[in-house]
Every structure is written in structure tokens, then in C-alpha cells.
Amino acid sequence: MFKREFGFIILLLLGIFMVWKPNLLWKITHCLSVKDGEPTGFYLYVVRLVGTIGIVIAVIWAAVYLFSKI
């Protein structure tokens, strides 16, 4: 079963995906509602920003978890 101590790994991977491939994320979330559409520049900026924030939170979470075990 999934241990909640390693939730930062999921958050880190999701953040990396959001920064690396925001266009693919847009296609996944809008595949049934929009035909031949493209994301706006603002959408791409916000997704990358949220992904970066997620990465920072995951790194802090991992550091707190690892240092609390010492």
C-alpha cells in the first residue's frame, strides 16, 4: 500500500510534468471538450508556475521528512 511519507514523490513528478509538458496536460484535460484547440500563453504560464511551486513544495517536504528521521 502507498505510504503517505512518499507523497512528495508524486507531487515532484506531477510538478516536473507540468513544467516540462504543459501542452500535453492541456490536451489531456480538454480532449473531449475542444476540437483542434490550442492553449493560450497565459494557460501555459500558469501551469508552469504551478508546476514550479509543486516542485519547490515537494523538495521542502522531502527535506523536512528526511531531516525529521535523523
PDB file of N, CA and C in Angstrom:
ATOM      1  N   MET A   1       0.844  -1.193   0.000  1.00  0.00           N
ATOM      2  CA  MET A   1       0.000   0.000   0.000  1.00  0.00           C
ATOM      3  C   MET A   1       0.877   1.240   0.000  1.00  0.00           C
ATOM      4  N   PHE A   2       0.341   2.310  -0.508  1.00  0.00           N
ATOM      5  CA  PHE A   2       1.075   3.572  -0.617  1.00  0.00           C
ATOM      6  C   PHE A   2       1.295   4.175   0.758  1.00  0.00           C
ATOM      7  N   LYS A   3       2.528   4.562   1.018  1.00  0.00           N
ATOM      8  CA  LYS A   3       2.826   5.226   2.286  1.00  0.00           C
ATOM      9  C   LYS A   3       2.758   6.728   2.079  1.00  0.00           C
ATOM     10  N   ARG A   4       2.115   7.409   2.985  1.00  0.00           N
ATOM     11  CA  ARG A   4       1.933   8.849   2.811  1.00  0.00           C
ATOM     12  C   ARG A   4       3.223   9.627   2.944  1.00  0.00           C
ATOM     13  N   GLU A   5       4.255   9.011   3.514  1.00  0.00           N
ATOM     14  CA  GLU A   5       5.535   9.699   3.627  1.00  0.00           C
ATOM     15  C   GLU A   5       6.152   9.970   2.264  1.00  0.00           C
ATOM     16  N   PHE A   6       5.765   9.200   1.264  1.00  0.00           N
ATOM     17  CA  PHE A   6       6.352   9.351  -0.055  1.00  0.00           C
ATOM     18  C   PHE A   6       5.427  10.089  -1.023  1.00  0.00           C
ATOM     19  N   GLY A   7       4.485  10.818  -0.507  1.00  0.00           N
ATOM     20  CA  GLY A   7       3.609  11.630  -1.344  1.00  0.00           C
ATOM     21  C   GLY A   7       4.364  12.725  -2.073  1.00  0.00           C
ATOM     22  N   PHE A   8       5.497  13.138  -1.503  1.00  0.00           N
ATOM     23  CA  PHE A   8       6.288  14.178  -2.152  1.00  0.00           C
ATOM     24  C   PHE A   8       6.825  13.703  -3.496  1.00  0.00           C
ATOM     25  N   ILE A   9       6.997  12.397  -3.671  1.00  0.00           N
ATOM     26  CA  ILE A   9       7.473  11.876  -4.956  1.00  0.00           C
ATOM     27  C   ILE A   9       6.414  12.101  -6.033  1.00  0.00           C
ATOM     28  N   ILE A  10       5.164  11.844  -5.703  1.00  0.00           N
ATOM     29  CA  ILE A  10       4.075  12.071  -6.659  1.00  0.00           C
ATOM     30  C   ILE A  10       3.960  13.557  -6.985  1.00  0.00           C
ATOM     31  N   LEU A  11       4.051  14.398  -5.961  1.00  0.00           N
ATOM     32  CA  LEU A  11       3.982  15.838  -6.184  1.00  0.00           C
ATOM     33  C   LEU A  11       5.151  16.314  -7.039  1.00  0.00           C
ATOM     34  N   LEU A  12       6.330  15.785  -6.796  1.00  0.00           N
ATOM     35  CA  LEU A  12       7.505  16.152  -7.580  1.00  0.00           C
ATOM     36  C   LEU A  12       7.343  15.737  -9.041  1.00  0.00           C
ATOM     37  N   LEU A  13       6.897  14.511  -9.270  1.00  0.00           N
ATOM     38  CA  LEU A  13       6.703  14.041 -10.644  1.00  0.00           C
ATOM     39  C   LEU A  13       5.626  14.840 -11.372  1.00  0.00           C
ATOM     40  N   LEU A  14       4.545  15.141 -10.680  1.00  0.00           N
ATOM     41  CA  LEU A  14       3.485  15.949 -11.286  1.00  0.00           C
ATOM     42  C   LEU A  14       3.989  17.353 -11.609  1.00  0.00           C
ATOM     43  N   GLY A  15       4.754  17.940 -10.702  1.00  0.00           N
ATOM     44  CA  GLY A  15       5.317  19.267 -10.950  1.00  0.00           C
ATOM     45  C   GLY A  15       6.259  19.279 -12.138  1.00  0.00           C
ATOM     46  N   ILE A  16       7.111  18.261 -12.238  1.00  0.00           N
ATOM     47  CA  ILE A  16       8.032  18.166 -13.376  1.00  0.00           C
ATOM     48  C   ILE A  16       7.245  18.023 -14.677  1.00  0.00           C
ATOM     49  N   PHE A  17       6.208  17.199 -14.659  1.00  0.00           N
ATOM     50  CA  PHE A  17       5.371  17.024 -15.850  1.00  0.00           C
ATOM     51  C   PHE A  17       4.707  18.339 -16.247  1.00  0.00           C
ATOM     52  N   MET A  18       4.231  19.102 -15.266  1.00  0.00           N
ATOM     53  CA  MET A  18       3.554  20.366 -15.551  1.00  0.00           C
ATOM     54  C   MET A  18       4.513  21.394 -16.144  1.00  0.00           C
ATOM     55  N   VAL A  19       5.757  21.391 -15.696  1.00  0.00           N
ATOM     56  CA  VAL A  19       6.742  22.333 -16.231  1.00  0.00           C
ATOM     57  C   VAL A  19       7.240  21.880 -17.597  1.00  0.00           C
ATOM     58  N   TRP A  20       7.426  20.576 -17.752  1.00  0.00           N
ATOM     59  CA  TRP A  20       8.046  20.027 -18.954  1.00  0.00           C
ATOM     60  C   TRP A  20       7.085  19.935 -20.136  1.00  0.00           C
ATOM     61  N   LYS A  21       5.848  19.510 -19.902  1.00  0.00           N
ATOM     62  CA  LYS A  21       4.883  19.269 -20.984  1.00  0.00           C
ATOM     63  C   LYS A  21       3.509  19.897 -20.695  1.00  0.00           C
ATOM     64  N   PRO A  22       3.409  21.220 -20.595  1.00  0.00           N
ATOM     65  CA  PRO A  22       2.089  21.813 -20.329  1.00  0.00           C
ATOM     66  C   PRO A  22       1.112  21.633 -21.490  1.00  0.00           C
ATOM     67  N   ASN A  23       1.625  21.552 -22.724  1.00  0.00           N
ATOM     68  CA  ASN A  23       0.727  21.337 -23.872  1.00  0.00           C
ATOM     69  C   ASN A  23       0.041  19.975 -23.794  1.00  0.00           C
ATOM     70  N   LEU A  24       0.785  18.958 -23.398  1.00  0.00           N
ATOM     71  CA  LEU A  24       0.206  17.622 -23.266  1.00  0.00           C
ATOM     72  C   LEU A  24      -0.830  17.595 -22.147  1.00  0.00           C
ATOM     73  N   LEU A  25      -0.555  18.292 -21.071  1.00  0.00           N
ATOM     74  CA  LEU A  25      -1.523  18.379 -19.976  1.00  0.00           C
ATOM     75  C   LEU A  25      -2.811  19.043 -20.458  1.00  0.00           C
ATOM     76  N   TRP A  26      -2.687  20.083 -21.279  1.00  0.00           N
ATOM     77  CA  TRP A  26      -3.870  20.748 -21.821  1.00  0.00           C
ATOM     78  C   TRP A  26      -4.665  19.790 -22.699  1.00  0.00           C
ATOM     79  N   LYS A  27      -3.980  19.039 -23.537  1.00  0.00           N
ATOM     80  CA  LYS A  27      -4.668  18.089 -24.419  1.00  0.00           C
ATOM     81  C   LYS A  27      -5.379  17.005 -23.619  1.00  0.00           C
ATOM     82  N   ILE A  28      -4.758  16.545 -22.537  1.00  0.00           N
ATOM     83  CA  ILE A  28      -5.378  15.515 -21.699  1.00  0.00           C
ATOM     84  C   ILE A  28      -6.639  16.059 -21.034  1.00  0.00           C
ATOM     85  N   THR A  29      -6.561  17.274 -20.503  1.00  0.00           N
ATOM     86  CA  THR A  29      -7.707  17.810 -19.766  1.00  0.00           C
ATOM     87  C   THR A  29      -8.830  18.312 -20.668  1.00  0.00           C
ATOM     88  N   HIS A  30      -8.530  18.638 -21.930  1.00  0.00           N
ATOM     89  CA  HIS A  30      -9.552  19.183 -22.820  1.00  0.00           C
ATOM     90  C   HIS A  30      -9.814  18.313 -24.050  1.00  0.00           C
ATOM     91  N   CYS A  31      -9.432  17.066 -24.011  1.00  0.00           N
ATOM     92  CA  CYS A  31      -9.552  16.218 -25.206  1.00  0.00           C
ATOM     93  C   CYS A  31     -11.004  16.008 -25.639  1.00  0.00           C
ATOM     94  N   LEU A  32     -11.934  16.012 -24.725  1.00  0.00           N
ATOM     95  CA  LEU A  32     -13.332  15.766 -25.084  1.00  0.00           C
ATOM     96  C   LEU A  32     -14.149  17.042 -25.274  1.00  0.00           C
ATOM     97  N   SER A  33     -13.610  18.179 -24.845  1.00  0.00           N
ATOM     98  CA  SER A  33     -14.410  19.400 -24.897  1.00  0.00           C
ATOM     99  C   SER A  33     -14.015  20.367 -26.011  1.00  0.00           C
ATOM    100  N   VAL A  34     -12.795  20.248 -26.545  1.00  0.00           N
ATOM    101  CA  VAL A  34     -12.325  21.196 -27.556  1.00  0.00           C
ATOM    102  C   VAL A  34     -11.764  20.426 -28.740  1.00  0.00           C
ATOM    103  N   LYS A  35     -12.169  20.828 -29.944  1.00  0.00           N
ATOM    104  CA  LYS A  35     -11.646  20.183 -31.143  1.00  0.00           C
ATOM    105  C   LYS A  35     -10.634  21.115 -31.808  1.00  0.00           C
ATOM    106  N   ASP A  36      -9.447  20.626 -32.048  1.00  0.00           N
ATOM    107  CA  ASP A  36      -8.368  21.371 -32.704  1.00  0.00           C
ATOM    108  C   ASP A  36      -8.050  22.691 -32.008  1.00  0.00           C
ATOM    109  N   GLY A  37      -8.160  22.723 -30.708  1.00  0.00           N
ATOM    110  CA  GLY A  37      -7.855  23.934 -29.958  1.00  0.00           C
ATOM    111  C   GLY A  37      -6.414  23.950 -29.474  1.00  0.00           C
ATOM    112  N   GLU A  38      -5.961  25.110 -29.104  1.00  0.00           N
ATOM    113  CA  GLU A  38      -4.613  25.282 -28.573  1.00  0.00           C
ATOM    114  C   GLU A  38      -4.697  26.060 -27.265  1.00  0.00           C
ATOM    115  N   PRO A  39      -3.810  25.771 -26.326  1.00  0.00           N
ATOM    116  CA  PRO A  39      -3.810  26.521 -25.067  1.00  0.00           C
ATOM    117  C   PRO A  39      -3.279  27.938 -25.282  1.00  0.00           C
ATOM    118  N   THR A  40      -3.739  28.852 -24.450  1.00  0.00           N
ATOM    119  CA  THR A  40      -3.249  30.228 -24.534  1.00  0.00           C
ATOM    120  C   THR A  40      -1.897  30.336 -23.839  1.00  0.00           C
ATOM    121  N   GLY A  41      -1.212  31.417 -24.106  1.00  0.00           N
ATOM    122  CA  GLY A  41       0.067  31.664 -23.451  1.00  0.00           C
ATOM    123  C   GLY A  41      -0.089  31.793 -21.948  1.00  0.00           C
ATOM    124  N   PHE A  42      -1.198  32.414 -21.521  1.00  0.00           N
ATOM    125  CA  PHE A  42      -1.450  32.563 -20.088  1.00  0.00           C
ATOM    126  C   PHE A  42      -1.630  31.206 -19.420  1.00  0.00           C
ATOM    127  N   TYR A  43      -2.362  30.310 -20.068  1.00  0.00           N
ATOM    128  CA  TYR A  43      -2.554  28.962 -19.522  1.00  0.00           C
ATOM    129  C   TYR A  43      -1.209  28.268 -19.348  1.00  0.00           C
ATOM    130  N   LEU A  44      -0.367  28.336 -20.370  1.00  0.00           N
ATOM    131  CA  LEU A  44       0.942  27.682 -20.290  1.00  0.00           C
ATOM    132  C   LEU A  44       1.781  28.276 -19.163  1.00  0.00           C
ATOM    133  N   TYR A  45       1.715  29.601 -19.012  1.00  0.00           N
ATOM    134  CA  TYR A  45       2.458  30.267 -17.941  1.00  0.00           C
ATOM    135  C   TYR A  45       1.977  29.806 -16.570  1.00  0.00           C
ATOM    136  N   VAL A  46       0.664  29.776 -16.379  1.00  0.00           N
ATOM    137  CA  VAL A  46       0.106  29.390 -15.079  1.00  0.00           C
ATOM    138  C   VAL A  46       0.425  27.932 -14.759  1.00  0.00           C
ATOM    139  N   VAL A  47       0.317  27.044 -15.736  1.00  0.00           N
ATOM    140  CA  VAL A  47       0.619  25.629 -15.496  1.00  0.00           C
ATOM    141  C   VAL A  47       2.090  25.462 -15.119  1.00  0.00           C
ATOM    142  N   ARG A  48       2.972  26.163 -15.818  1.00  0.00           N
ATOM    143  CA  ARG A  48       4.399  26.077 -15.472  1.00  0.00           C
ATOM    144  C   ARG A  48       4.667  26.661 -14.093  1.00  0.00           C
ATOM    145  N   LEU A  49       3.990  27.748 -13.750  1.00  0.00           N
ATOM    146  CA  LEU A  49       4.155  28.359 -12.432  1.00  0.00           C
ATOM    147  C   LEU A  49       3.691  27.415 -11.328  1.00  0.00           C
ATOM    148  N   VAL A  50       2.524  26.827 -11.503  1.00  0.00           N
ATOM    149  CA  VAL A  50       2.002  25.884 -10.504  1.00  0.00           C
ATOM    150  C   VAL A  50       2.899  24.650 -10.414  1.00  0.00           C
ATOM    151  N   GLY A  51       3.415  24.188 -11.538  1.00  0.00           N
ATOM    152  CA  GLY A  51       4.345  23.066 -11.530  1.00  0.00           C
ATOM    153  C   GLY A  51       5.614  23.391 -10.774  1.00  0.00           C
ATOM    154  N   THR A  52       6.144  24.594 -10.967  1.00  0.00           N
ATOM    155  CA  THR A  52       7.345  25.022 -10.248  1.00  0.00           C
ATOM    156  C   THR A  52       7.083  25.106  -8.753  1.00  0.00           C
ATOM    157  N   ILE A  53       5.941  25.647  -8.380  1.00  0.00           N
ATOM    158  CA  ILE A  53       5.575  25.713  -6.962  1.00  0.00           C
ATOM    159  C   ILE A  53       5.450  24.306  -6.389  1.00  0.00           C
ATOM    160  N   GLY A  54       4.863  23.389  -7.145  1.00  0.00           N
ATOM    161  CA  GLY A  54       4.753  21.998  -6.695  1.00  0.00           C
ATOM    162  C   GLY A  54       6.112  21.353  -6.487  1.00  0.00           C
ATOM    163  N   ILE A  55       7.057  21.635  -7.381  1.00  0.00           N
ATOM    164  CA  ILE A  55       8.405  21.088  -7.239  1.00  0.00           C
ATOM    165  C   ILE A  55       9.059  21.628  -5.974  1.00  0.00           C
ATOM    166  N   VAL A  56       8.937  22.933  -5.734  1.00  0.00           N
ATOM    167  CA  VAL A  56       9.527  23.538  -4.537  1.00  0.00           C
ATOM    168  C   VAL A  56       8.916  22.935  -3.275  1.00  0.00           C
ATOM    169  N   ILE A  57       7.606  22.794  -3.251  1.00  0.00           N
ATOM    170  CA  ILE A  57       6.941  22.205  -2.083  1.00  0.00           C
ATOM    171  C   ILE A  57       7.384  20.761  -1.881  1.00  0.00           C
ATOM    172  N   ALA A  58       7.516  19.997  -2.961  1.00  0.00           N
ATOM    173  CA  ALA A  58       7.946  18.600  -2.851  1.00  0.00           C
ATOM    174  C   ALA A  58       9.361  18.500  -2.300  1.00  0.00           C
ATOM    175  N   VAL A  59      10.248  19.388  -2.734  1.00  0.00           N
ATOM    176  CA  VAL A  59      11.625  19.365  -2.232  1.00  0.00           C
ATOM    177  C   VAL A  59      11.661  19.730  -0.753  1.00  0.00           C
ATOM    178  N   ILE A  60      10.901  20.745  -0.360  1.00  0.00           N
ATOM    179  CA  ILE A  60      10.844  21.121   1.057  1.00  0.00           C
ATOM    180  C   ILE A  60      10.243  19.990   1.875  1.00  0.00           C
ATOM    181  N   TRP A  61       9.182  19.379   1.383  1.00  0.00           N
ATOM    182  CA  TRP A  61       8.530  18.266   2.069  1.00  0.00           C
ATOM    183  C   TRP A  61       9.508  17.110   2.255  1.00  0.00           C
ATOM    184  N   ALA A  62      10.259  16.785   1.208  1.00  0.00           N
ATOM    185  CA  ALA A  62      11.235  15.693   1.291  1.00  0.00           C
ATOM    186  C   ALA A  62      12.331  16.026   2.290  1.00  0.00           C
ATOM    187  N   ALA A  63      12.805  17.275   2.283  1.00  0.00           N
ATOM    188  CA  ALA A  63      13.860  17.672   3.217  1.00  0.00           C
ATOM    189  C   ALA A  63      13.370  17.590   4.656  1.00  0.00           C
ATOM    190  N   VAL A  64      12.171  18.075   4.906  1.00  0.00           N
ATOM    191  CA  VAL A  64      11.614  18.009   6.264  1.00  0.00           C
ATOM    192  C   VAL A  64      11.452  16.559   6.696  1.00  0.00           C
ATOM    193  N   TYR A  65      10.958  15.726   5.793  1.00  0.00           N
ATOM    194  CA  TYR A  65      10.777  14.308   6.121  1.00  0.00           C
ATOM    195  C   TYR A  65      12.110  13.636   6.425  1.00  0.00           C
ATOM    196  N   LEU A  66      13.099  13.875   5.580  1.00  0.00           N
ATOM    197  CA  LEU A  66      14.394  13.214   5.774  1.00  0.00           C
ATOM    198  C   LEU A  66      15.117  13.721   7.012  1.00  0.00           C
ATOM    199  N   PHE A  67      15.053  15.033   7.279  1.00  0.00           N
ATOM    200  CA  PHE A  67      15.732  15.569   8.458  1.00  0.00           C
ATOM    201  C   PHE A  67      14.994  15.240   9.748  1.00  0.00           C
ATOM    202  N   SER A  68      13.710  14.951   9.680  1.00  0.00           N
ATOM    203  CA  SER A  68      12.980  14.573  10.892  1.00  0.00           C
ATOM    204  C   SER A  68      13.304  13.145  11.320  1.00  0.00           C
ATOM    205  N   LYS A  69      13.842  12.354  10.400  1.00  0.00           N
ATOM    206  CA  LYS A  69      14.221  10.975  10.721  1.00  0.00           C
ATOM    207  C   LYS A  69      15.589  10.893  11.391  1.00  0.00           C
ATOM    208  N   ILE A  70      16.346  11.987  11.373  1.00  0.00           N
ATOM    209  CA  ILE A  70      17.703  11.975  11.961  1.00  0.00           C
ATOM    210  C   ILE A  70      17.625  12.098  13.459  1.00  0.00           C
TER     211      ILE A  70
END
